[in-house]
PDB file of all heavy atoms in Angstrom:
ATOM      1  N   ASN A   1     184.967 134.817-116.239  1.00  0.00           N
ATOM      2  CA  ASN A   1     184.124 134.902-115.055  1.00  0.00           C
ATOM      3  C   ASN A   1     183.850 133.483-114.591  1.00  0.00           C
ATOM      4  O   ASN A   1     182.975 132.815-115.161  1.00  0.00           O
ATOM      5  CB  ASN A   1     182.842 135.650-115.385  1.00  0.00           C
ATOM      6  CG  ASN A   1     181.957 135.847-114.130  1.00  0.00           C
ATOM      7  OD1 ASN A   1     182.114 135.141-113.162  1.00  0.00           O
ATOM      8  ND2 ASN A   1     181.131 136.875-114.160  1.00  0.00           N
ATOM      9  N   PRO A   2     184.533 133.010-113.538  1.00  0.00           N
ATOM     10  CA  PRO A   2     184.283 131.639-113.086  1.00  0.00           C
ATOM     11  C   PRO A   2     182.910 131.444-112.456  1.00  0.00           C
ATOM     12  O   PRO A   2     182.398 130.363-112.444  1.00  0.00           O
ATOM     13  CB  PRO A   2     185.410 131.404-112.035  1.00  0.00           C
ATOM     14  CG  PRO A   2     185.783 132.806-111.596  1.00  0.00           C
ATOM     15  CD  PRO A   2     185.590 133.680-112.766  1.00  0.00           C
ATOM     16  N   GLY A   3     182.346 132.532-111.945  1.00  0.00           N
ATOM     17  CA  GLY A   3     181.043 132.437-111.333  1.00  0.00           C
ATOM     18  C   GLY A   3     179.938 132.084-112.303  1.00  0.00           C
ATOM     19  O   GLY A   3     178.958 131.411-111.979  1.00  0.00           O
ATOM     20  N   THR A   4     180.083 132.494-113.605  1.00  0.00           N
ATOM     21  CA  THR A   4     179.107 132.234-114.597  1.00  0.00           C
ATOM     22  C   THR A   4     179.614 131.344-115.756  1.00  0.00           C
ATOM     23  O   THR A   4     178.929 131.133-116.706  1.00  0.00           O
ATOM     24  CB  THR A   4     178.574 133.545-115.218  1.00  0.00           C
ATOM     25  OG1 THR A   4     179.693 134.257-115.786  1.00  0.00           O
ATOM     26  CG2 THR A   4     177.899 134.425-114.160  1.00  0.00           C
ATOM     27  N   ASN A   5     180.857 130.825-115.566  1.00  0.00           N
ATOM     28  CA  ASN A   5     181.471 130.013-116.625  1.00  0.00           C
ATOM     29  C   ASN A   5     181.400 130.709-117.966  1.00  0.00           C
ATOM     30  O   ASN A   5     180.858 130.175-118.969  1.00  0.00           O
ATOM     31  CB  ASN A   5     180.836 128.629-116.710  1.00  0.00           C
ATOM     32  CG  ASN A   5     181.293 127.714-115.551  1.00  0.00           C
ATOM     33  OD1 ASN A   5     182.437 127.820-115.094  1.00  0.00           O
ATOM     34  ND2 ASN A   5     180.407 126.843-115.115  1.00  0.00           N
ATOM     35  N   ALA A   6     181.957 131.903-118.021  1.00  0.00           N
ATOM     36  CA  ALA A   6     181.865 132.718-119.219  1.00  0.00           C
ATOM     37  C   ALA A   6     183.173 133.463-119.485  1.00  0.00           C
ATOM     38  O   ALA A   6     183.940 133.761-118.576  1.00  0.00           O
ATOM     39  CB  ALA A   6     180.728 133.739-119.124  1.00  0.00           C
ATOM     40  N   ILE A   7     183.426 133.760-120.774  1.00  0.00           N
ATOM     41  CA  ILE A   7     184.469 134.639-121.182  1.00  0.00           C
ATOM     42  C   ILE A   7     183.792 135.878-121.743  1.00  0.00           C
ATOM     43  O   ILE A   7     182.978 135.790-122.661  1.00  0.00           O
ATOM     44  CB  ILE A   7     185.367 134.004-122.277  1.00  0.00           C
ATOM     45  CG1 ILE A   7     185.928 132.660-121.791  1.00  0.00           C
ATOM     46  CG2 ILE A   7     186.535 134.962-122.601  1.00  0.00           C
ATOM     47  CD1 ILE A   7     186.730 132.694-120.525  1.00  0.00           C
ATOM     48  N   LEU A   8     184.156 137.050-121.208  1.00  0.00           N
ATOM     49  CA  LEU A   8     183.533 138.330-121.647  1.00  0.00           C
ATOM     50  C   LEU A   8     184.556 139.134-122.429  1.00  0.00           C
ATOM     51  O   LEU A   8     185.696 139.217-122.016  1.00  0.00           O
ATOM     52  CB  LEU A   8     183.075 139.098-120.408  1.00  0.00           C
ATOM     53  CG  LEU A   8     182.246 138.353-119.384  1.00  0.00           C
ATOM     54  CD1 LEU A   8     181.967 139.224-118.140  1.00  0.00           C
ATOM     55  CD2 LEU A   8     180.927 137.871-119.977  1.00  0.00           C
ATOM     56  N   GLY A   9     184.095 139.727-123.503  1.00  0.00           N
ATOM     57  CA  GLY A   9     184.947 140.597-124.287  1.00  0.00           C
ATOM     58  C   GLY A   9     184.391 142.015-124.360  1.00  0.00           C
ATOM     59  O   GLY A   9     183.224 142.203-124.699  1.00  0.00           O
ATOM     60  N   PHE A  10     185.227 143.016-124.014  1.00  0.00           N
ATOM     61  CA  PHE A  10     184.792 144.419-123.997  1.00  0.00           C
ATOM     62  C   PHE A  10     185.475 145.196-125.137  1.00  0.00           C
ATOM     63  O   PHE A  10     186.657 144.941-125.436  1.00  0.00           O
ATOM     64  CB  PHE A  10     185.074 145.086-122.651  1.00  0.00           C
ATOM     65  CG  PHE A  10     184.288 144.480-121.529  1.00  0.00           C
ATOM     66  CD1 PHE A  10     184.782 143.444-120.770  1.00  0.00           C
ATOM     67  CD2 PHE A  10     183.032 145.004-121.231  1.00  0.00           C
ATOM     68  CE1 PHE A  10     184.033 142.896-119.726  1.00  0.00           C
ATOM     69  CE2 PHE A  10     182.267 144.455-120.209  1.00  0.00           C
ATOM     70  CZ  PHE A  10     182.777 143.416-119.480  1.00  0.00           C
ATOM     71  N   ALA A  11     184.756 146.101-125.718  1.00  0.00           N
ATOM     72  CA  ALA A  11     185.308 146.907-126.793  1.00  0.00           C
ATOM     73  C   ALA A  11     186.596 147.624-126.351  1.00  0.00           C
ATOM     74  O   ALA A  11     186.699 147.990-125.153  1.00  0.00           O
ATOM     75  CB  ALA A  11     184.272 147.941-127.257  1.00  0.00           C
ATOM     76  N   PRO A  12     187.522 147.882-127.272  1.00  0.00           N
ATOM     77  CA  PRO A  12     188.748 148.546-126.857  1.00  0.00           C
ATOM     78  C   PRO A  12     188.577 149.892-126.118  1.00  0.00           C
ATOM     79  O   PRO A  12     189.362 150.192-125.266  1.00  0.00           O
ATOM     80  CB  PRO A  12     189.440 148.790-128.191  1.00  0.00           C
ATOM     81  CG  PRO A  12     188.902 147.712-129.086  1.00  0.00           C
ATOM     82  CD  PRO A  12     187.486 147.499-128.685  1.00  0.00           C
ATOM     83  N   ALA A  13     187.524 150.641-126.464  1.00  0.00           N
ATOM     84  CA  ALA A  13     187.295 151.917-125.814  1.00  0.00           C
ATOM     85  C   ALA A  13     186.227 151.850-124.721  1.00  0.00           C
ATOM     86  O   ALA A  13     185.778 152.887-124.224  1.00  0.00           O
ATOM     87  CB  ALA A  13     186.884 152.959-126.856  1.00  0.00           C
ATOM     88  N   ALA A  14     185.791 150.695-124.319  1.00  0.00           N
ATOM     89  CA  ALA A  14     184.733 150.539-123.334  1.00  0.00           C
ATOM     90  C   ALA A  14     185.091 151.239-122.018  1.00  0.00           C
ATOM     91  O   ALA A  14     186.218 151.233-121.571  1.00  0.00           O
ATOM     92  CB  ALA A  14     184.471 149.059-123.039  1.00  0.00           C
ATOM     93  N   SER A  15     184.092 151.841-121.403  1.00  0.00           N
ATOM     94  CA  SER A  15     184.297 152.554-120.136  1.00  0.00           C
ATOM     95  C   SER A  15     182.967 152.624-119.408  1.00  0.00           C
ATOM     96  O   SER A  15     181.893 152.718-119.997  1.00  0.00           O
ATOM     97  CB  SER A  15     184.782 153.974-120.408  1.00  0.00           C
ATOM     98  OG  SER A  15     185.101 154.647-119.197  1.00  0.00           O
ATOM     99  N   GLY A  16     183.044 152.489-118.102  1.00  0.00           N
ATOM    100  CA  GLY A  16     181.861 152.617-117.244  1.00  0.00           C
ATOM    101  C   GLY A  16     181.053 151.343-117.183  1.00  0.00           C
ATOM    102  O   GLY A  16     181.560 150.239-117.354  1.00  0.00           O
ATOM    103  N   ASN A  17     179.760 151.535-116.988  1.00  0.00           N
ATOM    104  CA  ASN A  17     178.857 150.414-116.845  1.00  0.00           C
ATOM    105  C   ASN A  17     178.317 150.002-118.220  1.00  0.00           C
ATOM    106  O   ASN A  17     177.234 150.410-118.666  1.00  0.00           O
ATOM    107  CB  ASN A  17     177.674 150.823-115.922  1.00  0.00           C
ATOM    108  CG  ASN A  17     176.692 149.673-115.645  1.00  0.00           C
ATOM    109  OD1 ASN A  17     177.011 148.503-115.892  1.00  0.00           O
ATOM    110  ND2 ASN A  17     175.518 150.015-115.196  1.00  0.00           N
ATOM    111  N   VAL A  18     179.126 149.226-118.951  1.00  0.00           N
ATOM    112  CA  VAL A  18     178.785 148.848-120.319  1.00  0.00           C
ATOM    113  C   VAL A  18     178.735 147.323-120.472  1.00  0.00           C
ATOM    114  O   VAL A  18     179.437 146.579-119.783  1.00  0.00           O
ATOM    115  CB  VAL A  18     179.790 149.404-121.327  1.00  0.00           C
ATOM    116  CG1 VAL A  18     179.753 150.934-121.356  1.00  0.00           C
ATOM    117  CG2 VAL A  18     181.207 148.931-121.001  1.00  0.00           C
ATOM    118  N   ALA A  19     177.889 146.826-121.367  1.00  0.00           N
ATOM    119  CA  ALA A  19     177.824 145.396-121.614  1.00  0.00           C
ATOM    120  C   ALA A  19     178.948 144.944-122.501  1.00  0.00           C
ATOM    121  O   ALA A  19     179.481 145.709-123.300  1.00  0.00           O
ATOM    122  CB  ALA A  19     176.472 145.099-122.280  1.00  0.00           C
ATOM    123  N   PRO A  20     179.378 143.702-122.341  1.00  0.00           N
ATOM    124  CA  PRO A  20     180.407 143.147-123.254  1.00  0.00           C
ATOM    125  C   PRO A  20     179.888 143.056-124.688  1.00  0.00           C
ATOM    126  O   PRO A  20     178.692 142.932-124.918  1.00  0.00           O
ATOM    127  CB  PRO A  20     180.705 141.757-122.670  1.00  0.00           C
ATOM    128  CG  PRO A  20     179.495 141.422-121.866  1.00  0.00           C
ATOM    129  CD  PRO A  20     178.924 142.692-121.359  1.00  0.00           C
ATOM    130  N   ILE A  21     180.781 143.144-125.656  1.00  0.00           N
ATOM    131  CA  ILE A  21     180.419 142.983-127.051  1.00  0.00           C
ATOM    132  C   ILE A  21     180.536 141.512-127.501  1.00  0.00           C
ATOM    133  O   ILE A  21     180.144 141.187-128.594  1.00  0.00           O
ATOM    134  CB  ILE A  21     181.269 143.906-127.951  1.00  0.00           C
ATOM    135  CG1 ILE A  21     182.756 143.553-127.823  1.00  0.00           C
ATOM    136  CG2 ILE A  21     181.020 145.361-127.627  1.00  0.00           C
ATOM    137  CD1 ILE A  21     183.638 144.268-128.837  1.00  0.00           C
ATOM    138  N   GLN A  22     181.084 140.712-126.647  1.00  0.00           N
ATOM    139  CA  GLN A  22     181.357 139.312-127.007  1.00  0.00           C
ATOM    140  C   GLN A  22     181.255 138.492-125.716  1.00  0.00           C
ATOM    141  O   GLN A  22     181.809 138.857-124.693  1.00  0.00           O
ATOM    142  CB  GLN A  22     182.742 139.222-127.590  1.00  0.00           C
ATOM    143  CG  GLN A  22     183.249 137.883-128.072  1.00  0.00           C
ATOM    144  CD  GLN A  22     184.631 137.973-128.681  1.00  0.00           C
ATOM    145  OE1 GLN A  22     185.105 139.088-129.015  1.00  0.00           O
ATOM    146  NE2 GLN A  22     185.307 136.862-128.813  1.00  0.00           N
ATOM    147  N   THR A  23     180.529 137.375-125.769  1.00  0.00           N
ATOM    148  CA  THR A  23     180.378 136.515-124.588  1.00  0.00           C
ATOM    149  C   THR A  23     180.481 135.073-125.047  1.00  0.00           C
ATOM    150  O   THR A  23     179.703 134.632-125.915  1.00  0.00           O
ATOM    151  CB  THR A  23     179.094 136.740-123.878  1.00  0.00           C
ATOM    152  OG1 THR A  23     178.989 138.109-123.426  1.00  0.00           O
ATOM    153  CG2 THR A  23     178.951 135.829-122.614  1.00  0.00           C
ATOM    154  N   ILE A  24     181.409 134.312-124.504  1.00  0.00           N
ATOM    155  CA  ILE A  24     181.488 132.865-124.747  1.00  0.00           C
ATOM    156  C   ILE A  24     180.946 132.171-123.518  1.00  0.00           C
ATOM    157  O   ILE A  24     181.523 132.246-122.445  1.00  0.00           O
ATOM    158  CB  ILE A  24     182.941 132.449-125.017  1.00  0.00           C
ATOM    159  CG1 ILE A  24     183.538 133.248-126.168  1.00  0.00           C
ATOM    160  CG2 ILE A  24     183.046 130.965-125.302  1.00  0.00           C
ATOM    161  CD1 ILE A  24     185.075 133.020-126.326  1.00  0.00           C
ATOM    162  N   THR A  25     179.832 131.473-123.662  1.00  0.00           N
ATOM    163  CA  THR A  25     179.251 130.792-122.517  1.00  0.00           C
ATOM    164  C   THR A  25     178.260 129.777-123.038  1.00  0.00           C
ATOM    165  O   THR A  25     177.764 129.836-124.137  1.00  0.00           O
ATOM    166  CB  THR A  25     178.561 131.779-121.561  1.00  0.00           C
ATOM    167  OG1 THR A  25     178.204 131.123-120.346  1.00  0.00           O
ATOM    168  CG2 THR A  25     177.313 132.383-122.179  1.00  0.00           C
ATOM    169  N   GLY A  26     177.923 128.766-122.208  1.00  0.00           N
ATOM    170  CA  GLY A  26     176.977 127.744-122.580  1.00  0.00           C
ATOM    171  C   GLY A  26     177.575 126.353-122.495  1.00  0.00           C
ATOM    172  O   GLY A  26     178.810 126.167-122.411  1.00  0.00           O
ATOM    173  N   SER A  27     176.733 125.364-122.584  1.00  0.00           N
ATOM    174  CA  SER A  27     177.170 123.966-122.427  1.00  0.00           C
ATOM    175  C   SER A  27     178.193 123.537-123.451  1.00  0.00           C
ATOM    176  O   SER A  27     179.046 122.668-123.146  1.00  0.00           O
ATOM    177  CB  SER A  27     175.937 123.044-122.470  1.00  0.00           C
ATOM    178  OG  SER A  27     175.254 123.199-123.714  1.00  0.00           O
ATOM    179  N   ALA A  28     178.088 124.018-124.664  1.00  0.00           N
ATOM    180  CA  ALA A  28     179.022 123.597-125.742  1.00  0.00           C
ATOM    181  C   ALA A  28     180.459 124.072-125.465  1.00  0.00           C
ATOM    182  O   ALA A  28     181.414 123.482-125.992  1.00  0.00           O
ATOM    183  CB  ALA A  28     178.554 124.094-127.073  1.00  0.00           C
TER     184      ALA A  28
END
């Protein structure tokens, strides 16, 4: 997601309006 400078990871079976299970983001 370039808008938030983030990498989002979704579960293999994710569907619909669900939160990612993994997020890489922050200054580091």
